[in-house]
N, C-alpha and C. Protein backbone atom coordinates (compact mmCIF):
# COMPACT_ATOMS: atom_id res chain seq x y z
N MET A 1 97.49 84.17 96.30
CA MET A 1 97.64 82.84 95.02
C MET A 1 96.13 82.19 94.90
N GLY A 2 95.77 82.09 93.98
CA GLY A 2 94.64 81.54 93.97
C GLY A 2 94.64 80.01 93.33
N LYS A 3 93.63 79.20 93.17
CA LYS A 3 93.95 77.58 92.69
C LYS A 3 94.36 77.50 91.65
N TYR A 4 94.73 76.29 90.95
CA TYR A 4 95.40 75.88 89.77
C TYR A 4 93.93 75.81 88.61
N ALA A 5 93.92 76.29 87.86
CA ALA A 5 92.86 76.19 86.76
C ALA A 5 93.28 76.21 85.55
N PRO A 6 92.78 75.26 84.75
CA PRO A 6 93.84 74.77 83.54
C PRO A 6 93.35 76.04 82.29
N ARG A 7 94.34 76.26 81.82
CA ARG A 7 94.33 77.16 80.55
C ARG A 7 94.39 76.61 79.08
N LEU A 8 93.99 77.63 78.21
CA LEU A 8 94.12 77.28 76.91
C LEU A 8 95.26 77.15 76.20
N PHE A 9 96.02 75.88 75.93
CA PHE A 9 97.26 76.15 74.90
C PHE A 9 96.81 76.45 73.52
N GLU A 10 97.44 76.82 72.87
CA GLU A 10 97.16 76.90 71.47
C GLU A 10 98.15 76.89 70.28
N PRO A 11 98.92 76.24 69.48
CA PRO A 11 99.98 76.68 68.47
C PRO A 11 99.86 77.18 67.60
N ARG A 12 100.24 78.12 67.35
CA ARG A 12 100.28 79.34 66.18
C ARG A 12 100.91 79.38 65.10
N GLU A 13 100.89 80.02 64.28
CA GLU A 13 101.65 80.05 62.93
C GLU A 13 103.33 80.67 63.19
N ARG A 14 104.47 79.89 62.89
CA ARG A 14 105.72 79.99 62.61
C ARG A 14 105.67 81.29 62.01
N PHE A 15 106.80 81.93 62.57
CA PHE A 15 107.28 82.76 61.93
C PHE A 15 108.77 83.65 61.84
N SER A 16 109.26 84.34 60.82
CA SER A 16 111.07 84.53 60.95
C SER A 16 111.13 86.12 61.29
N HIS A 17 112.08 86.21 61.85
CA HIS A 17 112.58 87.23 61.67
C HIS A 17 113.85 87.38 62.11
N ALA A 18 114.96 88.35 61.76
CA ALA A 18 116.39 88.41 61.68
C ALA A 18 116.95 87.36 61.79
N GLY A 19 116.62 86.68 60.85
CA GLY A 19 117.69 85.37 60.26
C GLY A 19 117.37 84.34 61.37
N MET A 20 115.81 84.45 61.99
CA MET A 20 115.68 83.49 63.33
C MET A 20 114.23 82.92 62.74
N ARG A 21 114.32 81.62 63.25
CA ARG A 21 112.78 81.01 62.76
C ARG A 21 111.97 80.47 63.89
N PHE A 22 110.52 80.89 64.41
CA PHE A 22 110.30 80.74 65.68
C PHE A 22 108.69 79.81 65.84
N LYS A 23 108.92 79.09 66.63
CA LYS A 23 107.29 78.33 66.51
C LYS A 23 106.62 79.66 67.80
N PHE A 24 105.57 79.27 67.69
CA PHE A 24 104.50 80.17 68.71
C PHE A 24 103.58 79.59 68.80
N CYS A 25 103.44 79.61 70.09
CA CYS A 25 102.14 79.38 71.02
C CYS A 25 101.53 80.59 71.91
N THR A 26 100.21 80.18 72.22
CA THR A 26 99.74 81.24 73.15
C THR A 26 98.83 80.34 74.29
N ILE A 27 98.69 80.60 75.22
CA ILE A 27 98.30 80.62 76.33
C ILE A 27 97.21 81.45 76.91
N ALA A 28 95.99 81.13 77.30
CA ALA A 28 95.19 81.81 77.60
C ALA A 28 94.05 81.41 79.00
N ALA A 29 93.65 82.66 80.13
CA ALA A 29 93.25 82.32 81.13
C ALA A 29 91.65 82.36 80.71
N ALA A 30 90.69 82.05 81.61
CA ALA A 30 89.46 82.25 81.24
C ALA A 30 88.98 83.46 80.90
N GLU A 31 88.11 83.20 79.61
CA GLU A 31 87.47 84.74 79.34
C GLU A 31 88.70 85.76 78.57
N ARG A 32 89.99 84.78 78.32
CA ARG A 32 90.75 85.70 77.90
C ARG A 32 91.28 85.00 76.30
N GLU A 33 90.66 84.14 75.72
CA GLU A 33 90.99 83.14 74.34
C GLU A 33 90.82 83.54 73.38
N ASP A 34 90.37 84.83 72.77
CA ASP A 34 90.38 85.63 71.44
C ASP A 34 91.57 86.26 71.73
N ILE A 35 92.69 85.55 71.03
CA ILE A 35 94.20 86.56 71.10
C ILE A 35 94.02 86.96 69.78
N ALA A 36 94.52 88.30 69.07
CA ALA A 36 94.59 88.59 68.01
C ALA A 36 96.28 88.50 67.92
N THR A 37 97.25 87.71 66.78
CA THR A 37 98.41 87.42 66.98
C THR A 37 99.32 88.35 66.40
N GLY A 38 98.67 89.09 65.42
CA GLY A 38 99.84 89.95 64.49
C GLY A 38 100.36 91.07 65.54
N PRO A 39 99.64 91.49 66.43
CA PRO A 39 100.43 92.50 67.25
C PRO A 39 101.52 91.82 68.08
N ILE A 40 101.20 90.25 68.24
CA ILE A 40 102.10 89.96 69.09
C ILE A 40 103.39 89.71 68.65
N VAL A 41 103.36 89.27 67.24
CA VAL A 41 104.40 89.06 66.32
C VAL A 41 105.39 90.33 66.08
N ASP A 42 104.40 91.40 65.97
CA ASP A 42 105.08 92.35 65.89
C ASP A 42 105.72 92.90 67.15
N ALA A 43 105.31 92.73 67.97
CA ALA A 43 106.09 92.93 69.76
C ALA A 43 107.32 92.29 69.38
N VAL A 44 107.00 90.63 69.14
CA VAL A 44 108.47 90.21 69.51
C VAL A 44 109.26 90.65 68.33
N LYS A 45 109.49 91.03 67.29
CA LYS A 45 110.20 91.62 66.52
C LYS A 45 110.73 92.85 66.75
N SER A 46 110.08 93.54 67.30
CA SER A 46 110.24 95.03 68.09
C SER A 46 111.55 94.83 69.19
N ALA A 47 111.11 93.73 70.17
CA ALA A 47 112.09 93.51 71.20
C ALA A 47 113.09 92.72 70.95
N ILE A 48 113.43 92.14 69.99
CA ILE A 48 114.16 91.69 69.10
C ILE A 48 115.55 92.63 68.38
N ASP A 49 114.86 93.42 67.88
CA ASP A 49 115.46 94.32 67.41
C ASP A 49 116.36 95.37 68.63
N ALA A 50 115.54 95.39 69.21
CA ALA A 50 116.03 96.16 70.62
C ALA A 50 116.96 95.95 71.20
N SER A 51 116.94 94.04 71.62
CA SER A 51 117.63 93.54 72.06
C SER A 51 119.51 93.16 71.77
N SER A 52 120.30 92.44 72.25
CA SER A 52 121.39 91.97 71.75
C SER A 52 121.74 90.64 71.09
N VAL A 53 120.28 90.08 71.16
CA VAL A 53 120.02 88.65 70.56
C VAL A 53 120.69 88.34 69.72
N GLN A 54 120.44 89.33 68.20
CA GLN A 54 121.07 89.07 67.17
C GLN A 54 122.40 88.86 66.80
N ALA A 55 123.12 89.71 68.15
CA ALA A 55 124.69 89.58 68.48
C ALA A 55 125.31 88.25 68.56
N LEU A 56 124.57 87.60 69.54
CA LEU A 56 124.49 86.09 70.08
C LEU A 56 125.39 85.29 69.27
N HIS A 57 125.68 84.14 69.67
CA HIS A 57 125.82 82.98 68.87
C HIS A 57 124.85 82.22 68.68
N HIS A 58 123.42 82.51 67.99
CA HIS A 58 122.17 81.67 67.86
C HIS A 58 122.20 80.44 67.13
N ARG A 59 121.02 80.11 67.10
CA ARG A 59 121.36 78.63 65.93
C ARG A 59 120.18 79.10 64.94
N GLY A 60 119.78 80.23 64.93
CA GLY A 60 118.89 80.51 64.10
C GLY A 60 117.28 80.19 64.37
N LEU A 61 116.97 79.19 65.60
CA LEU A 61 115.77 78.94 66.22
C LEU A 61 115.55 79.25 67.52
N GLY A 62 113.92 79.29 67.54
CA GLY A 62 113.25 79.81 68.47
C GLY A 62 112.12 79.53 68.89
N TYR A 63 111.28 80.25 70.03
CA TYR A 63 109.80 80.04 70.40
C TYR A 63 109.60 80.86 71.05
N VAL A 64 108.33 81.17 71.07
CA VAL A 64 107.91 82.31 71.45
C VAL A 64 106.25 82.01 72.25
N VAL A 65 106.71 82.13 73.64
CA VAL A 65 104.85 81.99 74.27
C VAL A 65 104.34 83.12 74.67
N TYR A 66 103.09 83.50 74.47
CA TYR A 66 102.02 84.45 74.83
C TYR A 66 101.26 83.91 75.86
N HIS A 67 100.95 84.76 76.82
CA HIS A 67 100.12 84.20 77.74
C HIS A 67 99.17 85.16 77.86
N ALA A 68 98.10 85.13 77.77
CA ALA A 68 96.63 86.24 78.52
C ALA A 68 96.41 85.73 79.61
N GLY A 69 97.30 86.33 80.66
CA GLY A 69 97.02 85.84 82.20
C GLY A 69 95.85 86.56 82.72
N GLU A 70 95.62 86.81 83.96
CA GLU A 70 94.77 87.10 84.61
C GLU A 70 95.49 88.43 85.25
N GLN A 71 96.62 88.48 85.33
CA GLN A 71 97.11 90.04 85.91
C GLN A 71 97.96 90.80 84.39
N ALA A 72 98.31 89.85 83.81
CA ALA A 72 99.00 90.63 82.41
C ALA A 72 98.96 90.05 81.54
N ASN A 73 99.71 90.40 80.18
CA ASN A 73 99.79 89.49 79.08
C ASN A 73 101.51 89.60 79.20
N TRP A 74 101.79 87.88 78.91
CA TRP A 74 103.18 87.79 79.13
C TRP A 74 103.57 87.46 78.00
N LEU A 75 105.23 88.12 77.69
CA LEU A 75 105.61 87.33 76.29
C LEU A 75 107.35 87.02 76.16
N LEU A 76 107.19 85.54 76.26
CA LEU A 76 108.48 85.26 76.37
C LEU A 76 109.13 84.82 75.04
N THR A 77 110.10 85.35 74.61
CA THR A 77 110.86 85.29 73.44
C THR A 77 112.24 84.29 73.66
N ARG A 78 112.08 83.20 73.04
CA ARG A 78 113.48 82.21 73.56
C ARG A 78 114.09 81.94 72.05
N VAL A 79 115.27 82.14 72.24
CA VAL A 79 116.51 81.60 71.08
C VAL A 79 117.64 80.58 71.41
N TRP A 80 117.65 79.78 70.80
CA TRP A 80 118.94 78.27 71.25
C TRP A 80 119.87 79.09 70.74
N LEU A 81 120.88 79.00 71.48
CA LEU A 81 122.30 79.49 71.27
C LEU A 81 122.86 77.97 70.79
N ASP A 82 124.10 78.22 70.83
CA ASP A 82 125.40 77.10 70.26
C ASP A 82 125.43 75.89 71.22
N GLY A 83 124.56 75.15 70.64
CA GLY A 83 124.76 73.65 71.81
C GLY A 83 122.97 73.71 72.28
N ASP A 84 123.42 74.04 73.72
CA ASP A 84 122.18 73.61 74.32
C ASP A 84 121.58 74.65 75.37
N ILE A 85 122.30 75.92 75.40
CA ILE A 85 121.90 76.89 75.76
C ILE A 85 120.60 77.76 75.38
N VAL A 86 119.51 78.44 75.90
CA VAL A 86 118.52 79.18 75.62
C VAL A 86 118.78 80.52 76.23
N SER A 87 118.71 81.36 75.43
CA SER A 87 118.63 83.21 75.89
C SER A 87 117.23 83.66 75.36
N GLY A 88 116.79 84.50 76.64
CA GLY A 88 115.68 85.00 76.71
C GLY A 88 115.38 86.22 77.12
N LEU A 89 113.69 86.58 76.43
CA LEU A 89 113.60 87.95 76.49
C LEU A 89 111.79 87.69 77.11
N LEU A 90 111.95 88.74 78.37
CA LEU A 90 110.52 88.43 78.89
C LEU A 90 110.14 89.89 78.86
N GLY A 91 109.06 90.04 78.17
CA GLY A 91 107.93 91.24 78.38
C GLY A 91 106.60 90.97 78.68
N ARG A 92 106.30 92.27 78.86
CA ARG A 92 104.45 92.31 79.16
C ARG A 92 103.97 92.74 77.75
N VAL A 93 102.76 92.88 77.38
CA VAL A 93 102.22 93.42 76.30
C VAL A 93 100.86 94.00 76.84
N MET A 94 100.91 95.66 77.10
CA MET A 94 99.75 96.27 77.56
C MET A 94 99.20 97.14 76.43
N ASP A 95 97.72 97.26 75.95
CA ASP A 95 97.35 98.38 75.10
C ASP A 95 98.31 97.83 74.04
N ASP A 96 98.77 96.78 73.27
CA ASP A 96 99.91 96.03 71.75
C ASP A 96 100.73 97.01 71.97
N ALA A 97 101.46 97.66 73.25
CA ALA A 97 102.58 98.44 73.43
C ALA A 97 103.31 97.26 74.33
N TYR A 98 104.80 96.87 73.70
CA TYR A 98 105.67 95.80 74.37
C TYR A 98 106.40 96.10 75.44
N GLU A 99 107.07 95.96 76.56
CA GLU A 99 107.91 96.81 77.57
C GLU A 99 108.48 95.62 77.97
N ASP A 100 109.80 95.80 78.15
CA ASP A 100 110.52 94.41 78.64
C ASP A 100 110.63 94.39 80.48
N VAL A 101 110.67 93.33 80.72
CA VAL A 101 110.49 93.20 82.24
C VAL A 101 111.69 92.94 82.92
N THR A 102 112.11 93.90 83.71
CA THR A 102 113.22 93.94 84.36
C THR A 102 113.45 93.33 85.68
N GLU A 103 112.17 92.82 86.12
CA GLU A 103 112.06 92.25 87.52
C GLU A 103 112.61 90.53 87.18
N PRO A 104 113.46 90.32 88.40
CA PRO A 104 114.04 88.61 88.79
C PRO A 104 112.81 87.59 87.98
N MET A 105 112.11 87.42 87.05
CA MET A 105 110.97 86.64 86.74
C MET A 105 111.73 85.89 85.51
N VAL A 106 111.21 84.61 85.18
CA VAL A 106 111.56 83.80 84.48
C VAL A 106 110.05 83.22 83.76
N GLU A 107 109.45 82.68 84.39
CA GLU A 107 107.99 82.24 83.69
C GLU A 107 106.91 81.62 84.94
N CYS A 108 106.01 81.45 84.56
CA CYS A 108 104.72 80.80 85.33
C CYS A 108 104.47 79.23 85.10
N VAL A 109 103.77 78.68 86.08
CA VAL A 109 103.50 76.91 86.30
C VAL A 109 102.98 76.78 84.66
N TRP A 110 102.14 77.96 84.10
CA TRP A 110 101.48 77.64 82.70
C TRP A 110 102.78 77.72 81.74
N GLU A 111 103.47 78.68 81.45
CA GLU A 111 104.23 78.93 80.98
C GLU A 111 105.39 77.74 80.76
N GLU A 112 105.65 77.11 81.92
CA GLU A 112 106.35 75.86 82.02
C GLU A 112 106.19 74.76 81.26
N ILE A 113 105.00 74.73 81.09
CA ILE A 113 104.42 73.50 80.71
C ILE A 113 105.01 73.55 78.85
N ALA A 114 104.62 75.07 78.48
CA ALA A 114 105.50 75.41 76.99
C ALA A 114 106.96 75.11 77.06
N VAL A 115 107.59 75.37 77.96
CA VAL A 115 108.88 75.41 78.06
C VAL A 115 109.57 74.10 78.19
N HIS A 116 108.81 73.22 78.95
CA HIS A 116 109.53 71.83 78.68
C HIS A 116 109.13 70.99 77.62
N HIS A 117 107.90 71.49 77.24
CA HIS A 117 107.58 70.84 75.80
C HIS A 117 108.79 71.16 74.86
N GLU A 118 109.20 72.55 74.71
CA GLU A 118 110.55 73.17 73.98
C GLU A 118 111.80 72.27 74.21
N ARG A 119 111.79 72.16 75.65
CA ARG A 119 113.15 71.53 76.04
C ARG A 119 112.97 70.01 75.36
N GLU A 120 112.24 69.63 75.43
CA GLU A 120 112.05 68.24 74.92
C GLU A 120 112.33 68.34 73.45
N ALA A 121 112.04 68.60 72.65
CA ALA A 121 111.79 68.96 71.05
C ALA A 121 113.15 69.16 70.84
N TRP A 122 114.04 70.17 71.54
CA TRP A 122 115.06 70.17 71.03
C TRP A 122 116.02 68.89 71.31
N VAL A 123 115.86 68.65 72.36
CA VAL A 123 116.80 67.13 73.17
C VAL A 123 116.33 66.00 71.56
N ARG A 124 115.31 66.52 71.14
CA ARG A 124 114.72 65.00 70.27
C ARG A 124 115.58 65.27 69.18
N HIS A 125 115.17 66.28 68.71
CA HIS A 125 115.53 66.93 66.84
C HIS A 125 116.92 67.24 66.95
N MET A 126 117.68 68.13 67.84
CA MET A 126 118.79 68.73 67.98
C MET A 126 120.02 68.12 68.92
N MET A 127 119.97 67.41 69.77
CA MET A 127 120.55 66.68 70.32
C MET A 127 120.78 65.01 70.49
N SER A 128 120.32 64.72 69.43
CA SER A 128 119.86 62.88 69.87
C SER A 128 119.75 62.65 68.35
N GLY A 129 120.74 62.22 67.69
CA GLY A 129 121.59 62.17 66.11
C GLY A 129 121.58 63.14 65.72
N PRO A 130 121.26 63.26 64.30
CA PRO A 130 121.51 64.49 63.20
C PRO A 130 120.57 65.38 63.73
N GLU A 131 121.02 66.61 63.46
CA GLU A 131 120.21 67.72 64.15
C GLU A 131 119.10 67.67 62.69
N ASN A 132 117.96 67.78 63.13
CA ASN A 132 117.45 68.10 61.99
C ASN A 132 115.96 69.63 62.58
N PRO A 133 116.62 70.63 62.09
CA PRO A 133 115.68 71.85 62.49
C PRO A 133 114.63 72.23 62.22
N ASP A 134 114.18 71.58 60.63
CA ASP A 134 112.62 71.17 60.13
C ASP A 134 112.20 70.80 61.30
N ALA A 135 112.14 69.78 61.80
CA ALA A 135 111.63 68.77 62.70
C ALA A 135 111.37 69.21 63.59
N TYR A 136 112.32 69.87 64.81
CA TYR A 136 111.99 70.77 66.03
C TYR A 136 110.66 71.69 65.30
N LEU A 137 111.22 72.80 64.28
CA LEU A 137 110.05 73.37 64.18
C LEU A 137 108.81 73.19 64.08
N ALA A 138 108.58 71.47 63.40
CA ALA A 138 106.94 70.75 63.21
C ALA A 138 106.81 70.64 64.46
N ASP A 139 107.61 70.42 65.27
CA ASP A 139 107.14 69.50 66.82
C ASP A 139 106.58 70.93 67.60
N VAL A 140 105.21 70.72 67.80
CA VAL A 140 104.60 72.03 68.43
C VAL A 140 103.77 71.52 69.20
N ILE A 141 103.87 72.32 70.27
CA ILE A 141 102.78 71.87 71.58
C ILE A 141 101.17 71.58 71.18
N THR A 142 100.82 70.55 71.73
CA THR A 142 99.27 70.22 71.51
C THR A 142 98.53 71.05 71.97
N GLY A 143 97.49 71.67 71.30
CA GLY A 143 96.30 72.49 71.81
C GLY A 143 95.37 72.03 72.67
N GLY A 144 94.92 72.57 73.65
CA GLY A 144 93.48 72.26 74.51
C GLY A 144 93.91 72.61 76.36
N MET A 145 93.38 72.44 76.67
CA MET A 145 93.19 72.68 78.04
C MET A 145 94.33 72.06 78.87
N ARG A 146 95.26 72.67 79.66
CA ARG A 146 96.14 71.97 80.66
C ARG A 146 95.89 72.94 81.69
């Protein structure tokens, strides 16, 4: 296990698929900052299509975190279910091909930063007063080193 080194966080363009709207951010380790987002969005869409997420009682909102890390390229796809539950897919992207992660992993310390932001945004815009899905989608993580 190495020492903590800040990584570059960047909010990316939102996208929709299968009746769900997604926020999207990337995280990059040093020397990994040049990220083409098109193949990532395609991988998310394929992963959703191959999963049971669409059959869940989802809220039509979610977020995606792509992490160009030191050991792998990680892809977290999260969809908010009825109320306060989040459903998730975890995958790796290698050579533009997505593969599900079946090991019992959730996220790393850098990805936790994005997940925490999404939790706070959900509470602010969907659980504290009138629900405002558009405000939730507009509440993106700030770019920069963390």
